[in-house]
Amino acid sequence: MIQIKKILTGGLIAYLIIAVWQVISHPEISLQALALGVVLIILTGIAWISDEEILKKTEMVILWICVGLFGLYAMLVVGGIV
């Protein structure tokens, strides 16, 4: 499990460097880069939860959020909004 945490942290650092580079190149996306950074930090931090029960519940919440967002996207596509 430690190896997965290290890989996730490495990916977080890489994506944050890319986000900073993009903000330097295109300052108008600074709000999106900030939102991306916050989301990535939260998601990577979840992997570092040591209590297995809390980790499992958190992962299930994230899974159902993803399922709900996919359903919302499907409804928007069917409705012609997207």
N, C-alpha and C. Protein backbone atom coordinates (compact mmCIF):
# COMPACT_ATOMS: atom_id res chain seq x y z
N MET A 1 0.82 -1.20 0.00
CA MET A 1 0.00 0.00 0.00
C MET A 1 0.86 1.25 0.00
N ILE A 2 2.01 1.20 0.63
CA ILE A 2 2.89 2.38 0.67
C ILE A 2 3.33 2.76 -0.73
N GLN A 3 3.58 1.77 -1.59
CA GLN A 3 4.03 2.06 -2.95
C GLN A 3 2.95 2.84 -3.71
N ILE A 4 1.69 2.46 -3.53
CA ILE A 4 0.59 3.17 -4.20
C ILE A 4 0.53 4.61 -3.71
N LYS A 5 0.71 4.82 -2.43
CA LYS A 5 0.69 6.17 -1.88
C LYS A 5 1.80 7.02 -2.46
N LYS A 6 2.98 6.43 -2.61
CA LYS A 6 4.11 7.16 -3.19
C LYS A 6 3.85 7.51 -4.65
N ILE A 7 3.28 6.57 -5.40
CA ILE A 7 2.98 6.82 -6.81
C ILE A 7 1.92 7.91 -6.94
N LEU A 8 0.88 7.87 -6.12
CA LEU A 8 -0.15 8.92 -6.14
C LEU A 8 0.44 10.28 -5.80
N THR A 9 1.32 10.32 -4.82
CA THR A 9 1.94 11.58 -4.44
C THR A 9 2.83 12.10 -5.57
N GLY A 10 3.55 11.21 -6.23
CA GLY A 10 4.36 11.62 -7.38
C GLY A 10 3.50 12.17 -8.50
N GLY A 11 2.37 11.51 -8.76
CA GLY A 11 1.44 12.01 -9.77
C GLY A 11 0.87 13.37 -9.40
N LEU A 12 0.57 13.54 -8.11
CA LEU A 12 0.07 14.83 -7.63
C LEU A 12 1.09 15.93 -7.90
N ILE A 13 2.34 15.66 -7.56
CA ILE A 13 3.39 16.67 -7.78
C ILE A 13 3.52 16.98 -9.26
N ALA A 14 3.50 15.95 -10.10
CA ALA A 14 3.61 16.17 -11.55
C ALA A 14 2.46 17.03 -12.07
N TYR A 15 1.24 16.70 -11.67
CA TYR A 15 0.08 17.47 -12.15
C TYR A 15 0.09 18.90 -11.61
N LEU A 16 0.54 19.08 -10.39
CA LEU A 16 0.63 20.45 -9.86
C LEU A 16 1.67 21.26 -10.60
N ILE A 17 2.79 20.63 -10.97
CA ILE A 17 3.80 21.34 -11.76
C ILE A 17 3.23 21.73 -13.12
N ILE A 18 2.50 20.81 -13.75
CA ILE A 18 1.86 21.11 -15.04
C ILE A 18 0.85 22.24 -14.88
N ALA A 19 0.07 22.22 -13.81
CA ALA A 19 -0.93 23.27 -13.59
C ALA A 19 -0.26 24.62 -13.40
N VAL A 20 0.81 24.65 -12.64
CA VAL A 20 1.53 25.92 -12.44
C VAL A 20 2.11 26.41 -13.76
N TRP A 21 2.67 25.51 -14.53
CA TRP A 21 3.22 25.87 -15.84
C TRP A 21 2.13 26.44 -16.75
N GLN A 22 0.95 25.84 -16.74
CA GLN A 22 -0.14 26.33 -17.55
C GLN A 22 -0.63 27.71 -17.08
N VAL A 23 -0.62 27.93 -15.77
CA VAL A 23 -1.03 29.25 -15.25
C VAL A 23 -0.02 30.31 -15.67
N ILE A 24 1.25 29.96 -15.66
CA ILE A 24 2.27 30.91 -16.11
C ILE A 24 2.07 31.23 -17.59
N SER A 25 1.75 30.20 -18.39
CA SER A 25 1.54 30.40 -19.82
C SER A 25 0.21 31.08 -20.14
N HIS A 26 -0.82 30.76 -19.36
CA HIS A 26 -2.17 31.27 -19.60
C HIS A 26 -2.79 31.70 -18.27
N PRO A 27 -2.54 32.91 -17.82
CA PRO A 27 -3.03 33.35 -16.50
C PRO A 27 -4.56 33.30 -16.36
N GLU A 28 -5.27 33.31 -17.45
CA GLU A 28 -6.74 33.31 -17.37
C GLU A 28 -7.30 32.00 -16.83
N ILE A 29 -6.50 30.95 -16.76
CA ILE A 29 -7.00 29.67 -16.24
C ILE A 29 -6.59 29.44 -14.79
N SER A 30 -6.20 30.49 -14.11
CA SER A 30 -5.71 30.32 -12.74
C SER A 30 -6.78 29.74 -11.80
N LEU A 31 -8.03 30.12 -11.99
CA LEU A 31 -9.10 29.59 -11.14
C LEU A 31 -9.29 28.08 -11.36
N GLN A 32 -9.26 27.65 -12.63
CA GLN A 32 -9.39 26.23 -12.92
C GLN A 32 -8.19 25.45 -12.36
N ALA A 33 -7.00 26.02 -12.48
CA ALA A 33 -5.81 25.35 -11.96
C ALA A 33 -5.87 25.23 -10.44
N LEU A 34 -6.39 26.25 -9.79
CA LEU A 34 -6.55 26.21 -8.34
C LEU A 34 -7.55 25.12 -7.94
N ALA A 35 -8.66 25.06 -8.66
CA ALA A 35 -9.67 24.02 -8.38
C ALA A 35 -9.08 22.63 -8.60
N LEU A 36 -8.34 22.46 -9.69
CA LEU A 36 -7.69 21.18 -9.96
C LEU A 36 -6.73 20.81 -8.84
N GLY A 37 -5.93 21.77 -8.41
CA GLY A 37 -4.98 21.52 -7.33
C GLY A 37 -5.66 21.09 -6.05
N VAL A 38 -6.73 21.75 -5.69
CA VAL A 38 -7.46 21.41 -4.46
C VAL A 38 -8.04 20.00 -4.56
N VAL A 39 -8.67 19.69 -5.69
CA VAL A 39 -9.27 18.36 -5.87
C VAL A 39 -8.19 17.28 -5.82
N LEU A 40 -7.08 17.51 -6.50
CA LEU A 40 -6.01 16.50 -6.51
C LEU A 40 -5.39 16.31 -5.13
N ILE A 41 -5.22 17.40 -4.39
CA ILE A 41 -4.68 17.28 -3.04
C ILE A 41 -5.64 16.50 -2.14
N ILE A 42 -6.92 16.77 -2.26
CA ILE A 42 -7.91 16.04 -1.45
C ILE A 42 -7.92 14.56 -1.82
N LEU A 43 -7.93 14.26 -3.12
CA LEU A 43 -7.99 12.86 -3.53
C LEU A 43 -6.71 12.10 -3.17
N THR A 44 -5.57 12.76 -3.28
CA THR A 44 -4.33 12.10 -2.87
C THR A 44 -4.29 11.93 -1.36
N GLY A 45 -4.78 12.91 -0.63
CA GLY A 45 -4.81 12.82 0.82
C GLY A 45 -5.66 11.68 1.32
N ILE A 46 -6.70 11.34 0.56
CA ILE A 46 -7.57 10.23 0.96
C ILE A 46 -6.78 8.93 0.99
N ALA A 47 -5.84 8.77 0.09
CA ALA A 47 -5.04 7.54 0.05
C ALA A 47 -4.17 7.40 1.29
N TRP A 48 -3.89 8.50 1.96
CA TRP A 48 -3.03 8.47 3.14
C TRP A 48 -3.81 8.25 4.43
N ILE A 49 -5.12 8.01 4.35
CA ILE A 49 -5.92 7.71 5.53
C ILE A 49 -5.49 6.34 6.07
N SER A 50 -5.16 6.28 7.33
CA SER A 50 -4.64 5.02 7.89
C SER A 50 -5.76 4.11 8.41
N ASP A 51 -6.90 4.65 8.76
CA ASP A 51 -8.02 3.84 9.26
C ASP A 51 -8.73 3.20 8.07
N GLU A 52 -8.68 1.89 7.98
CA GLU A 52 -9.23 1.16 6.83
C GLU A 52 -10.75 1.36 6.69
N GLU A 53 -11.46 1.44 7.80
CA GLU A 53 -12.92 1.60 7.74
C GLU A 53 -13.29 2.96 7.16
N ILE A 54 -12.63 4.00 7.61
CA ILE A 54 -12.89 5.35 7.07
C ILE A 54 -12.49 5.42 5.61
N LEU A 55 -11.36 4.80 5.27
CA LEU A 55 -10.90 4.78 3.88
C LEU A 55 -11.93 4.09 2.98
N LYS A 56 -12.46 2.97 3.42
CA LYS A 56 -13.45 2.24 2.64
C LYS A 56 -14.71 3.07 2.43
N LYS A 57 -15.20 3.71 3.49
CA LYS A 57 -16.40 4.55 3.37
C LYS A 57 -16.15 5.74 2.43
N THR A 58 -14.98 6.34 2.55
CA THR A 58 -14.65 7.48 1.69
C THR A 58 -14.58 7.05 0.23
N GLU A 59 -13.96 5.91 -0.03
CA GLU A 59 -13.89 5.40 -1.40
C GLU A 59 -15.28 5.11 -1.96
N MET A 60 -16.18 4.59 -1.14
CA MET A 60 -17.54 4.31 -1.60
C MET A 60 -18.29 5.60 -1.91
N VAL A 61 -18.10 6.62 -1.09
CA VAL A 61 -18.73 7.92 -1.35
C VAL A 61 -18.24 8.48 -2.68
N ILE A 62 -16.93 8.41 -2.90
CA ILE A 62 -16.37 8.92 -4.15
C ILE A 62 -16.90 8.12 -5.34
N LEU A 63 -17.00 6.81 -5.19
CA LEU A 63 -17.53 5.97 -6.26
C LEU A 63 -18.95 6.39 -6.63
N TRP A 64 -19.80 6.60 -5.63
CA TRP A 64 -21.19 6.96 -5.92
C TRP A 64 -21.31 8.38 -6.46
N ILE A 65 -20.41 9.26 -6.06
CA ILE A 65 -20.39 10.60 -6.67
C ILE A 65 -20.07 10.48 -8.16
N CYS A 66 -19.09 9.63 -8.50
CA CYS A 66 -18.74 9.43 -9.91
C CYS A 66 -19.90 8.84 -10.70
N VAL A 67 -20.58 7.87 -10.11
CA VAL A 67 -21.74 7.27 -10.78
C VAL A 67 -22.83 8.33 -10.99
N GLY A 68 -23.08 9.14 -9.99
CA GLY A 68 -24.08 10.20 -10.11
C GLY A 68 -23.71 11.23 -11.16
N LEU A 69 -22.45 11.62 -11.20
CA LEU A 69 -22.01 12.59 -12.21
C LEU A 69 -22.11 12.00 -13.62
N PHE A 70 -21.79 10.71 -13.76
CA PHE A 70 -21.95 10.06 -15.05
C PHE A 70 -23.42 10.06 -15.48
N GLY A 71 -24.32 9.76 -14.54
CA GLY A 71 -25.74 9.80 -14.84
C GLY A 71 -26.21 11.20 -15.23
N LEU A 72 -25.73 12.20 -14.51
CA LEU A 72 -26.06 13.59 -14.83
C LEU A 72 -25.58 13.95 -16.23
N TYR A 73 -24.36 13.54 -16.55
CA TYR A 73 -23.82 13.81 -17.88
C TYR A 73 -24.68 13.14 -18.96
N ALA A 74 -25.09 11.90 -18.71
CA ALA A 74 -25.93 11.19 -19.68
C ALA A 74 -27.25 11.92 -19.89
N MET A 75 -27.84 12.40 -18.80
CA MET A 75 -29.11 13.14 -18.94
C MET A 75 -28.91 14.44 -19.69
N LEU A 76 -27.79 15.13 -19.47
CA LEU A 76 -27.53 16.36 -20.19
C LEU A 76 -27.31 16.10 -21.68
N VAL A 77 -26.66 14.99 -22.01
CA VAL A 77 -26.47 14.64 -23.41
C VAL A 77 -27.81 14.32 -24.06
N VAL A 78 -28.62 13.53 -23.40
CA VAL A 78 -29.93 13.17 -23.94
C VAL A 78 -30.81 14.41 -24.09
N GLY A 79 -30.70 15.33 -23.14
CA GLY A 79 -31.49 16.55 -23.20
C GLY A 79 -30.98 17.57 -24.20
N GLY A 80 -29.82 17.31 -24.80
CA GLY A 80 -29.28 18.21 -25.82
C GLY A 80 -28.55 19.41 -25.24
N ILE A 81 -28.29 19.40 -23.96
CA ILE A 81 -27.60 20.52 -23.33
C ILE A 81 -26.10 20.45 -23.59
N VAL A 82 -25.60 19.23 -23.60
CA VAL A 82 -24.16 19.04 -23.85
C VAL A 82 -23.95 18.43 -25.20
